[in-house]
PDB file of all heavy atoms in Angstrom:
ATOM      1  N   PHE A   1     204.962 -79.545 -57.167  1.00  0.00           N
ATOM      2  CA  PHE A   1     206.190 -80.285 -57.491  1.00  0.00           C
ATOM      3  C   PHE A   1     206.235 -80.805 -58.934  1.00  0.00           C
ATOM      4  O   PHE A   1     207.277 -80.719 -59.596  1.00  0.00           O
ATOM      5  CB  PHE A   1     206.345 -81.500 -56.567  1.00  0.00           C
ATOM      6  CG  PHE A   1     206.641 -81.192 -55.125  1.00  0.00           C
ATOM      7  CD1 PHE A   1     206.715 -82.226 -54.189  1.00  0.00           C
ATOM      8  CD2 PHE A   1     206.846 -79.889 -54.682  1.00  0.00           C
ATOM      9  CE1 PHE A   1     206.994 -81.967 -52.856  1.00  0.00           C
ATOM     10  CE2 PHE A   1     207.118 -79.622 -53.344  1.00  0.00           C
ATOM     11  CZ  PHE A   1     207.189 -80.670 -52.432  1.00  0.00           C
ATOM     12  N   HIS A   2     205.132 -81.386 -59.394  1.00  0.00           N
ATOM     13  CA  HIS A   2     205.202 -82.205 -60.606  1.00  0.00           C
ATOM     14  C   HIS A   2     205.697 -81.464 -61.850  1.00  0.00           C
ATOM     15  O   HIS A   2     206.493 -82.023 -62.622  1.00  0.00           O
ATOM     16  CB  HIS A   2     203.861 -82.880 -60.883  1.00  0.00           C
ATOM     17  CG  HIS A   2     204.007 -84.120 -61.700  1.00  0.00           C
ATOM     18  ND1 HIS A   2     203.896 -84.128 -63.072  1.00  0.00           N
ATOM     19  CD2 HIS A   2     204.317 -85.391 -61.342  1.00  0.00           C
ATOM     20  CE1 HIS A   2     204.107 -85.347 -63.519  1.00  0.00           C
ATOM     21  NE2 HIS A   2     204.364 -86.139 -62.505  1.00  0.00           N
ATOM     22  N   PRO A   3     205.277 -80.219 -62.087  1.00  0.00           N
ATOM     23  CA  PRO A   3     205.788 -79.521 -63.269  1.00  0.00           C
ATOM     24  C   PRO A   3     207.285 -79.201 -63.211  1.00  0.00           C
ATOM     25  O   PRO A   3     207.885 -78.837 -64.226  1.00  0.00           O
ATOM     26  CB  PRO A   3     204.950 -78.237 -63.301  1.00  0.00           C
ATOM     27  CG  PRO A   3     203.674 -78.614 -62.621  1.00  0.00           C
ATOM     28  CD  PRO A   3     204.115 -79.505 -61.498  1.00  0.00           C
ATOM     29  N   PHE A   4     207.896 -79.336 -62.036  1.00  0.00           N
ATOM     30  CA  PHE A   4     209.335 -79.119 -61.887  1.00  0.00           C
ATOM     31  C   PHE A   4     210.114 -80.437 -61.847  1.00  0.00           C
ATOM     32  O   PHE A   4     211.324 -80.439 -61.594  1.00  0.00           O
ATOM     33  CB  PHE A   4     209.630 -78.362 -60.584  1.00  0.00           C
ATOM     34  CG  PHE A   4     209.189 -76.925 -60.565  1.00  0.00           C
ATOM     35  CD1 PHE A   4     207.900 -76.592 -60.171  1.00  0.00           C
ATOM     36  CD2 PHE A   4     210.057 -75.896 -60.913  1.00  0.00           C
ATOM     37  CE1 PHE A   4     207.487 -75.259 -60.119  1.00  0.00           C
ATOM     38  CE2 PHE A   4     209.661 -74.565 -60.874  1.00  0.00           C
ATOM     39  CZ  PHE A   4     208.369 -74.245 -60.479  1.00  0.00           C
ATOM     40  N   LEU A   5     209.431 -81.543 -62.073  1.00  0.00           N
ATOM     41  CA  LEU A   5     210.027 -82.864 -61.862  1.00  0.00           C
ATOM     42  C   LEU A   5     211.336 -83.062 -62.625  1.00  0.00           C
ATOM     43  O   LEU A   5     212.295 -83.633 -62.101  1.00  0.00           O
ATOM     44  CB  LEU A   5     209.015 -83.944 -62.260  1.00  0.00           C
ATOM     45  CG  LEU A   5     209.351 -85.383 -61.887  1.00  0.00           C
ATOM     46  CD1 LEU A   5     209.548 -85.536 -60.392  1.00  0.00           C
ATOM     47  CD2 LEU A   5     208.233 -86.316 -62.366  1.00  0.00           C
ATOM     48  N   ASN A   6     211.399 -82.575 -63.853  1.00  0.00           N
ATOM     49  CA  ASN A   6     212.592 -82.768 -64.677  1.00  0.00           C
ATOM     50  C   ASN A   6     213.636 -81.672 -64.508  1.00  0.00           C
ATOM     51  O   ASN A   6     214.694 -81.718 -65.139  1.00  0.00           O
ATOM     52  CB  ASN A   6     212.192 -82.881 -66.147  1.00  0.00           C
ATOM     53  CG  ASN A   6     211.350 -84.119 -66.413  1.00  0.00           C
ATOM     54  OD1 ASN A   6     211.593 -85.171 -65.815  1.00  0.00           O
ATOM     55  ND2 ASN A   6     210.355 -84.006 -67.280  1.00  0.00           N
ATOM     56  N   ASP A   7     213.329 -80.696 -63.660  1.00  0.00           N
ATOM     57  CA  ASP A   7     214.296 -79.628 -63.359  1.00  0.00           C
ATOM     58  C   ASP A   7     215.150 -80.068 -62.170  1.00  0.00           C
ATOM     59  O   ASP A   7     214.845 -79.761 -61.016  1.00  0.00           O
ATOM     60  CB  ASP A   7     213.560 -78.315 -63.037  1.00  0.00           C
ATOM     61  CG  ASP A   7     212.700 -77.839 -64.196  1.00  0.00           C
ATOM     62  OD1 ASP A   7     213.209 -77.812 -65.327  1.00  0.00           O
ATOM     63  OD2 ASP A   7     211.524 -77.503 -63.965  1.00  0.00           O
ATOM     64  N   LYS A   8     216.198 -80.796 -62.459  1.00  0.00           N
ATOM     65  CA  LYS A   8     216.966 -81.463 -61.402  1.00  0.00           C
ATOM     66  C   LYS A   8     217.611 -80.501 -60.412  1.00  0.00           C
ATOM     67  O   LYS A   8     217.920 -80.881 -59.276  1.00  0.00           O
ATOM     68  CB  LYS A   8     218.045 -82.360 -62.025  1.00  0.00           C
ATOM     69  CG  LYS A   8     217.502 -83.433 -62.966  1.00  0.00           C
ATOM     70  CD  LYS A   8     216.495 -84.347 -62.271  1.00  0.00           C
ATOM     71  CE  LYS A   8     216.017 -85.464 -63.202  1.00  0.00           C
ATOM     72  NZ  LYS A   8     214.978 -86.303 -62.581  1.00  0.00           N
ATOM     73  N   SER A   9     217.799 -79.251 -60.800  1.00  0.00           N
ATOM     74  CA  SER A   9     218.420 -78.285 -59.891  1.00  0.00           C
ATOM     75  C   SER A   9     217.452 -77.800 -58.810  1.00  0.00           C
ATOM     76  O   SER A   9     217.865 -77.214 -57.809  1.00  0.00           O
ATOM     77  CB  SER A   9     218.934 -77.072 -60.671  1.00  0.00           C
ATOM     78  OG  SER A   9     217.846 -76.360 -61.251  1.00  0.00           O
ATOM     79  N   VAL A  10     216.161 -78.054 -59.025  1.00  0.00           N
ATOM     80  CA  VAL A  10     215.137 -77.578 -58.086  1.00  0.00           C
ATOM     81  C   VAL A  10     214.882 -78.647 -57.034  1.00  0.00           C
ATOM     82  O   VAL A  10     214.453 -79.758 -57.347  1.00  0.00           O
ATOM     83  CB  VAL A  10     213.825 -77.236 -58.822  1.00  0.00           C
ATOM     84  CG1 VAL A  10     212.774 -76.739 -57.827  1.00  0.00           C
ATOM     85  CG2 VAL A  10     214.070 -76.202 -59.908  1.00  0.00           C
ATOM     86  N   LYS A  11     215.147 -78.314 -55.779  1.00  0.00           N
ATOM     87  CA  LYS A  11     214.938 -79.257 -54.673  1.00  0.00           C
ATOM     88  C   LYS A  11     213.512 -79.118 -54.160  1.00  0.00           C
ATOM     89  O   LYS A  11     212.996 -78.016 -54.007  1.00  0.00           O
ATOM     90  CB  LYS A  11     215.948 -78.999 -53.557  1.00  0.00           C
ATOM     91  CG  LYS A  11     217.396 -79.201 -53.979  1.00  0.00           C
ATOM     92  CD  LYS A  11     218.358 -78.859 -52.848  1.00  0.00           C
ATOM     93  CE  LYS A  11     219.805 -79.118 -53.258  1.00  0.00           C
ATOM     94  NZ  LYS A  11     220.234 -78.219 -54.377  1.00  0.00           N
ATOM     95  N   MET A  12     212.895 -80.256 -53.862  1.00  0.00           N
ATOM     96  CA  MET A  12     211.497 -80.276 -53.446  1.00  0.00           C
ATOM     97  C   MET A  12     211.407 -80.810 -52.017  1.00  0.00           C
ATOM     98  O   MET A  12     211.938 -81.888 -51.716  1.00  0.00           O
ATOM     99  CB  MET A  12     210.671 -81.131 -54.404  1.00  0.00           C
ATOM    100  CG  MET A  12     210.860 -80.711 -55.863  1.00  0.00           C
ATOM    101  SD  MET A  12     209.742 -81.480 -57.060  1.00  0.00           S
ATOM    102  CE  MET A  12     210.038 -83.218 -56.833  1.00  0.00           C
ATOM    103  N   ILE A  13     210.711 -80.075 -51.161  1.00  0.00           N
ATOM    104  CA  ILE A  13     210.574 -80.467 -49.758  1.00  0.00           C
ATOM    105  C   ILE A  13     209.100 -80.487 -49.373  1.00  0.00           C
ATOM    106  O   ILE A  13     208.407 -79.473 -49.463  1.00  0.00           O
ATOM    107  CB  ILE A  13     211.334 -79.510 -48.815  1.00  0.00           C
ATOM    108  CG1 ILE A  13     212.819 -79.463 -49.176  1.00  0.00           C
ATOM    109  CG2 ILE A  13     211.157 -79.942 -47.356  1.00  0.00           C
ATOM    110  CD1 ILE A  13     213.621 -78.468 -48.340  1.00  0.00           C
ATOM    111  N   GLY A  14     208.631 -81.648 -48.939  1.00  0.00           N
ATOM    112  CA  GLY A  14     207.276 -81.789 -48.435  1.00  0.00           C
ATOM    113  C   GLY A  14     207.303 -81.771 -46.916  1.00  0.00           C
ATOM    114  O   GLY A  14     208.120 -82.472 -46.302  1.00  0.00           O
ATOM    115  N   VAL A  15     206.430 -80.979 -46.319  1.00  0.00           N
ATOM    116  CA  VAL A  15     206.434 -80.810 -44.858  1.00  0.00           C
ATOM    117  C   VAL A  15     205.232 -81.531 -44.259  1.00  0.00           C
ATOM    118  O   VAL A  15     204.076 -81.130 -44.462  1.00  0.00           O
ATOM    119  CB  VAL A  15     206.406 -79.322 -44.467  1.00  0.00           C
ATOM    120  CG1 VAL A  15     206.521 -79.174 -42.955  1.00  0.00           C
ATOM    121  CG2 VAL A  15     207.537 -78.568 -45.165  1.00  0.00           C
ATOM    122  N   GLU A  16     205.517 -82.601 -43.537  1.00  0.00           N
ATOM    123  CA  GLU A  16     204.470 -83.370 -42.877  1.00  0.00           C
ATOM    124  C   GLU A  16     204.199 -82.836 -41.471  1.00  0.00           C
ATOM    125  O   GLU A  16     204.991 -82.078 -40.911  1.00  0.00           O
ATOM    126  CB  GLU A  16     204.879 -84.841 -42.786  1.00  0.00           C
ATOM    127  CG  GLU A  16     205.027 -85.539 -44.124  1.00  0.00           C
ATOM    128  CD  GLU A  16     205.277 -87.021 -43.967  1.00  0.00           C
ATOM    129  OE1 GLU A  16     206.308 -87.401 -43.364  1.00  0.00           O
ATOM    130  OE2 GLU A  16     204.443 -87.812 -44.431  1.00  0.00           O
ATOM    131  N   ALA A  17     203.078 -83.290 -40.900  1.00  0.00           N
ATOM    132  CA  ALA A  17     202.691 -82.864 -39.555  1.00  0.00           C
ATOM    133  C   ALA A  17     203.333 -83.776 -38.513  1.00  0.00           C
ATOM    134  O   ALA A  17     202.928 -84.930 -38.362  1.00  0.00           O
ATOM    135  CB  ALA A  17     201.176 -82.884 -39.416  1.00  0.00           C
ATOM    136  N   ALA A  18     204.329 -83.252 -37.801  1.00  0.00           N
ATOM    137  CA  ALA A  18     205.005 -84.036 -36.760  1.00  0.00           C
ATOM    138  C   ALA A  18     204.246 -84.009 -35.437  1.00  0.00           C
ATOM    139  O   ALA A  18     204.691 -84.618 -34.457  1.00  0.00           O
ATOM    140  CB  ALA A  18     206.432 -83.528 -36.565  1.00  0.00           C
ATOM    141  N   GLY A  19     203.114 -83.319 -35.396  1.00  0.00           N
ATOM    142  CA  GLY A  19     202.242 -83.357 -34.226  1.00  0.00           C
ATOM    143  C   GLY A  19     202.933 -82.976 -32.936  1.00  0.00           C
ATOM    144  O   GLY A  19     203.512 -81.893 -32.800  1.00  0.00           O
ATOM    145  N   LEU A  20     202.906 -83.882 -31.978  1.00  0.00           N
ATOM    146  CA  LEU A  20     203.567 -83.660 -30.686  1.00  0.00           C
ATOM    147  C   LEU A  20     205.023 -84.092 -30.721  1.00  0.00           C
ATOM    148  O   LEU A  20     205.718 -84.026 -29.706  1.00  0.00           O
ATOM    149  CB  LEU A  20     202.819 -84.413 -29.584  1.00  0.00           C
ATOM    150  CG  LEU A  20     201.337 -84.063 -29.417  1.00  0.00           C
ATOM    151  CD1 LEU A  20     200.721 -84.837 -28.263  1.00  0.00           C
ATOM    152  CD2 LEU A  20     201.131 -82.571 -29.232  1.00  0.00           C
ATOM    153  N   GLY A  21     205.488 -84.523 -31.893  1.00  0.00           N
ATOM    154  CA  GLY A  21     206.867 -84.982 -32.063  1.00  0.00           C
ATOM    155  C   GLY A  21     206.888 -86.407 -32.588  1.00  0.00           C
ATOM    156  O   GLY A  21     206.084 -87.245 -32.152  1.00  0.00           O
ATOM    157  N   LEU A  22     207.786 -86.692 -33.533  1.00  0.00           N
ATOM    158  CA  LEU A  22     207.852 -88.039 -34.115  1.00  0.00           C
ATOM    159  C   LEU A  22     208.110 -89.103 -33.051  1.00  0.00           C
ATOM    160  O   LEU A  22     207.619 -90.230 -33.147  1.00  0.00           O
ATOM    161  CB  LEU A  22     208.940 -88.092 -35.186  1.00  0.00           C
ATOM    162  CG  LEU A  22     208.710 -87.251 -36.448  1.00  0.00           C
ATOM    163  CD1 LEU A  22     209.897 -87.387 -37.393  1.00  0.00           C
ATOM    164  CD2 LEU A  22     207.425 -87.661 -37.158  1.00  0.00           C
ATOM    165  N   HIS A  23     208.865 -88.746 -32.026  1.00  0.00           N
ATOM    166  CA  HIS A  23     209.223 -89.706 -30.979  1.00  0.00           C
ATOM    167  C   HIS A  23     208.029 -90.104 -30.113  1.00  0.00           C
ATOM    168  O   HIS A  23     208.052 -91.145 -29.444  1.00  0.00           O
ATOM    169  CB  HIS A  23     210.317 -89.120 -30.078  1.00  0.00           C
ATOM    170  CG  HIS A  23     209.884 -87.930 -29.302  1.00  0.00           C
ATOM    171  ND1 HIS A  23     209.732 -86.689 -29.875  1.00  0.00           N
ATOM    172  CD2 HIS A  23     209.544 -87.787 -27.985  1.00  0.00           C
ATOM    173  CE1 HIS A  23     209.326 -85.827 -28.957  1.00  0.00           C
ATOM    174  NE2 HIS A  23     209.204 -86.460 -27.805  1.00  0.00           N
ATOM    175  N   THR A  24     206.948 -89.299 -30.136  1.00  0.00           N
ATOM    176  CA  THR A  24     205.786 -89.577 -29.288  1.00  0.00           C
ATOM    177  C   THR A  24     204.810 -90.561 -29.922  1.00  0.00           C
ATOM    178  O   THR A  24     203.950 -91.125 -29.232  1.00  0.00           O
ATOM    179  CB  THR A  24     205.009 -88.280 -28.985  1.00  0.00           C
ATOM    180  OG1 THR A  24     204.385 -87.803 -30.196  1.00  0.00           O
ATOM    181  CG2 THR A  24     205.922 -87.212 -28.416  1.00  0.00           C
ATOM    182  N   GLY A  25     204.900 -90.729 -31.238  1.00  0.00           N
ATOM    183  CA  GLY A  25     203.911 -91.543 -31.944  1.00  0.00           C
ATOM    184  C   GLY A  25     202.633 -90.786 -32.246  1.00  0.00           C
ATOM    185  O   GLY A  25     201.769 -91.281 -32.976  1.00  0.00           O
ATOM    186  N   LYS A  26     202.502 -89.586 -31.726  1.00  0.00           N
ATOM    187  CA  LYS A  26     201.299 -88.766 -31.954  1.00  0.00           C
ATOM    188  C   LYS A  26     201.604 -87.739 -33.042  1.00  0.00           C
ATOM    189  O   LYS A  26     201.948 -86.593 -32.759  1.00  0.00           O
ATOM    190  CB  LYS A  26     200.851 -88.099 -30.652  1.00  0.00           C
ATOM    191  CG  LYS A  26     200.406 -89.084 -29.578  1.00  0.00           C
ATOM    192  CD  LYS A  26     199.904 -88.375 -28.349  1.00  0.00           C
ATOM    193  CE  LYS A  26     199.480 -89.359 -27.268  1.00  0.00           C
ATOM    194  NZ  LYS A  26     198.375 -90.246 -27.707  1.00  0.00           N
ATOM    195  N   HIS A  27     201.533 -88.185 -34.271  1.00  0.00           N
ATOM    196  CA  HIS A  27     201.851 -87.334 -35.418  1.00  0.00           C
ATOM    197  C   HIS A  27     201.124 -87.842 -36.653  1.00  0.00           C
ATOM    198  O   HIS A  27     200.356 -88.810 -36.579  1.00  0.00           O
ATOM    199  CB  HIS A  27     203.371 -87.320 -35.653  1.00  0.00           C
ATOM    200  CG  HIS A  27     203.954 -88.670 -35.951  1.00  0.00           C
ATOM    201  ND1 HIS A  27     203.926 -89.238 -37.202  1.00  0.00           N
ATOM    202  CD2 HIS A  27     204.584 -89.568 -35.147  1.00  0.00           C
ATOM    203  CE1 HIS A  27     204.517 -90.422 -37.165  1.00  0.00           C
ATOM    204  NE2 HIS A  27     204.924 -90.654 -35.936  1.00  0.00           N
ATOM    205  N   ALA A  28     201.355 -87.187 -37.784  1.00  0.00           N
ATOM    206  CA  ALA A  28     200.757 -87.598 -39.056  1.00  0.00           C
ATOM    207  C   ALA A  28     201.826 -87.513 -40.140  1.00  0.00           C
ATOM    208  O   ALA A  28     201.636 -86.850 -41.163  1.00  0.00           O
ATOM    209  CB  ALA A  28     199.550 -86.719 -39.381  1.00  0.00           C
ATOM    210  N   ALA A  29     202.943 -88.184 -39.894  1.00  0.00           N
ATOM    211  CA  ALA A  29     204.105 -88.074 -40.776  1.00  0.00           C
ATOM    212  C   ALA A  29     204.636 -89.451 -41.174  1.00  0.00           C
ATOM    213  O   ALA A  29     205.734 -89.847 -40.767  1.00  0.00           O
ATOM    214  CB  ALA A  29     205.200 -87.262 -40.077  1.00  0.00           C
ATOM    215  N   PRO A  30     203.890 -90.198 -42.000  1.00  0.00           N
ATOM    216  CA  PRO A  30     204.326 -91.558 -42.350  1.00  0.00           C
ATOM    217  C   PRO A  30     205.632 -91.608 -43.129  1.00  0.00           C
ATOM    218  O   PRO A  30     206.420 -92.543 -42.960  1.00  0.00           O
ATOM    219  CB  PRO A  30     203.158 -92.097 -43.180  1.00  0.00           C
ATOM    220  CG  PRO A  30     202.453 -90.876 -43.701  1.00  0.00           C
ATOM    221  CD  PRO A  30     202.599 -89.857 -42.614  1.00  0.00           C
ATOM    222  N   LEU A  31     205.895 -90.620 -43.988  1.00  0.00           N
ATOM    223  CA  LEU A  31     207.133 -90.648 -44.769  1.00  0.00           C
ATOM    224  C   LEU A  31     208.336 -90.308 -43.893  1.00  0.00           C
ATOM    225  O   LEU A  31     209.397 -90.931 -44.013  1.00  0.00           O
ATOM    226  CB  LEU A  31     207.037 -89.687 -45.954  1.00  0.00           C
ATOM    227  CG  LEU A  31     205.974 -90.052 -47.002  1.00  0.00           C
ATOM    228  CD1 LEU A  31     205.930 -89.010 -48.114  1.00  0.00           C
ATOM    229  CD2 LEU A  31     206.224 -91.441 -47.586  1.00  0.00           C
ATOM    230  N   SER A  32     208.173 -89.337 -42.996  1.00  0.00           N
ATOM    231  CA  SER A  32     209.256 -89.012 -42.070  1.00  0.00           C
ATOM    232  C   SER A  32     209.559 -90.200 -41.154  1.00  0.00           C
ATOM    233  O   SER A  32     210.706 -90.438 -40.788  1.00  0.00           O
ATOM    234  CB  SER A  32     208.871 -87.791 -41.217  1.00  0.00           C
ATOM    235  OG  SER A  32     208.675 -86.650 -42.027  1.00  0.00           O
ATOM    236  N   ALA A  33     208.507 -90.959 -40.819  1.00  0.00           N
ATOM    237  CA  ALA A  33     208.665 -92.126 -39.940  1.00  0.00           C
ATOM    238  C   ALA A  33     209.075 -93.378 -40.701  1.00  0.00           C
ATOM    239  O   ALA A  33     209.345 -94.415 -40.089  1.00  0.00           O
ATOM    240  CB  ALA A  33     207.367 -92.383 -39.190  1.00  0.00           C
ATOM    241  N   ARG A  34     209.099 -93.300 -42.046  1.00  0.00           N
ATOM    242  CA  ARG A  34     209.484 -94.432 -42.908  1.00  0.00           C
ATOM    243  C   ARG A  34     208.608 -95.659 -42.651  1.00  0.00           C
ATOM    244  O   ARG A  34     209.095 -96.783 -42.460  1.00  0.00           O
ATOM    245  CB  ARG A  34     210.960 -94.786 -42.705  1.00  0.00           C
ATOM    246  CG  ARG A  34     211.918 -93.655 -43.064  1.00  0.00           C
ATOM    247  CD  ARG A  34     212.184 -93.591 -44.537  1.00  0.00           C
ATOM    248  NE  ARG A  34     213.032 -92.480 -44.916  1.00  0.00           N
ATOM    249  CZ  ARG A  34     213.652 -92.371 -46.083  1.00  0.00           C
ATOM    250  NH1 ARG A  34     213.510 -93.318 -46.997  1.00  0.00           N
ATOM    251  NH2 ARG A  34     214.384 -91.321 -46.383  1.00  0.00           N
ATOM    252  N   MET A  35     207.296 -95.451 -42.672  1.00  0.00           N
ATOM    253  CA  MET A  35     206.340 -96.540 -42.474  1.00  0.00           C
ATOM    254  C   MET A  35     205.468 -96.658 -43.724  1.00  0.00           C
ATOM    255  O   MET A  35     205.051 -95.649 -44.296  1.00  0.00           O
ATOM    256  CB  MET A  35     205.474 -96.268 -41.238  1.00  0.00           C
ATOM    257  CG  MET A  35     206.269 -96.133 -39.952  1.00  0.00           C
ATOM    258  SD  MET A  35     205.264 -95.609 -38.532  1.00  0.00           S
ATOM    259  CE  MET A  35     204.397 -97.129 -38.177  1.00  0.00           C
ATOM    260  N   PHE A  36     205.182 -97.910 -44.148  1.00  0.00           N
ATOM    261  CA  PHE A  36     204.466 -98.121 -45.402  1.00  0.00           C
ATOM    262  C   PHE A  36     203.422 -99.234 -45.261  1.00  0.00           C
ATOM    263  O   PHE A  36     203.582-100.149 -44.457  1.00  0.00           O
ATOM    264  CB  PHE A  36     205.455 -98.470 -46.523  1.00  0.00           C
ATOM    265  CG  PHE A  36     206.528 -97.435 -46.707  1.00  0.00           C
ATOM    266  CD1 PHE A  36     207.761 -97.562 -46.077  1.00  0.00           C
ATOM    267  CD2 PHE A  36     206.290 -96.302 -47.462  1.00  0.00           C
ATOM    268  CE1 PHE A  36     208.748 -96.593 -46.220  1.00  0.00           C
ATOM    269  CE2 PHE A  36     207.262 -95.319 -47.610  1.00  0.00           C
ATOM    270  CZ  PHE A  36     208.493 -95.476 -46.986  1.00  0.00           C
ATOM    271  N   GLY A  37     202.364 -99.138 -46.067  1.00  0.00           N
ATOM    272  CA  GLY A  37     201.309-100.140 -46.036  1.00  0.00           C
ATOM    273  C   GLY A  37     200.223 -99.797 -47.039  1.00  0.00           C
ATOM    274  O   GLY A  37     200.404 -98.937 -47.907  1.00  0.00           O
TER     275      GLY A  37
END
């Protein structure tokens, strides 16, 4: 991603591990879940 940072036309998508599903709590997707610490 970083070398394309200033290329505003380029969309960047990070794919996290949703595990058994975000709704189950059994995943590894803190950004998708909007949790911080």
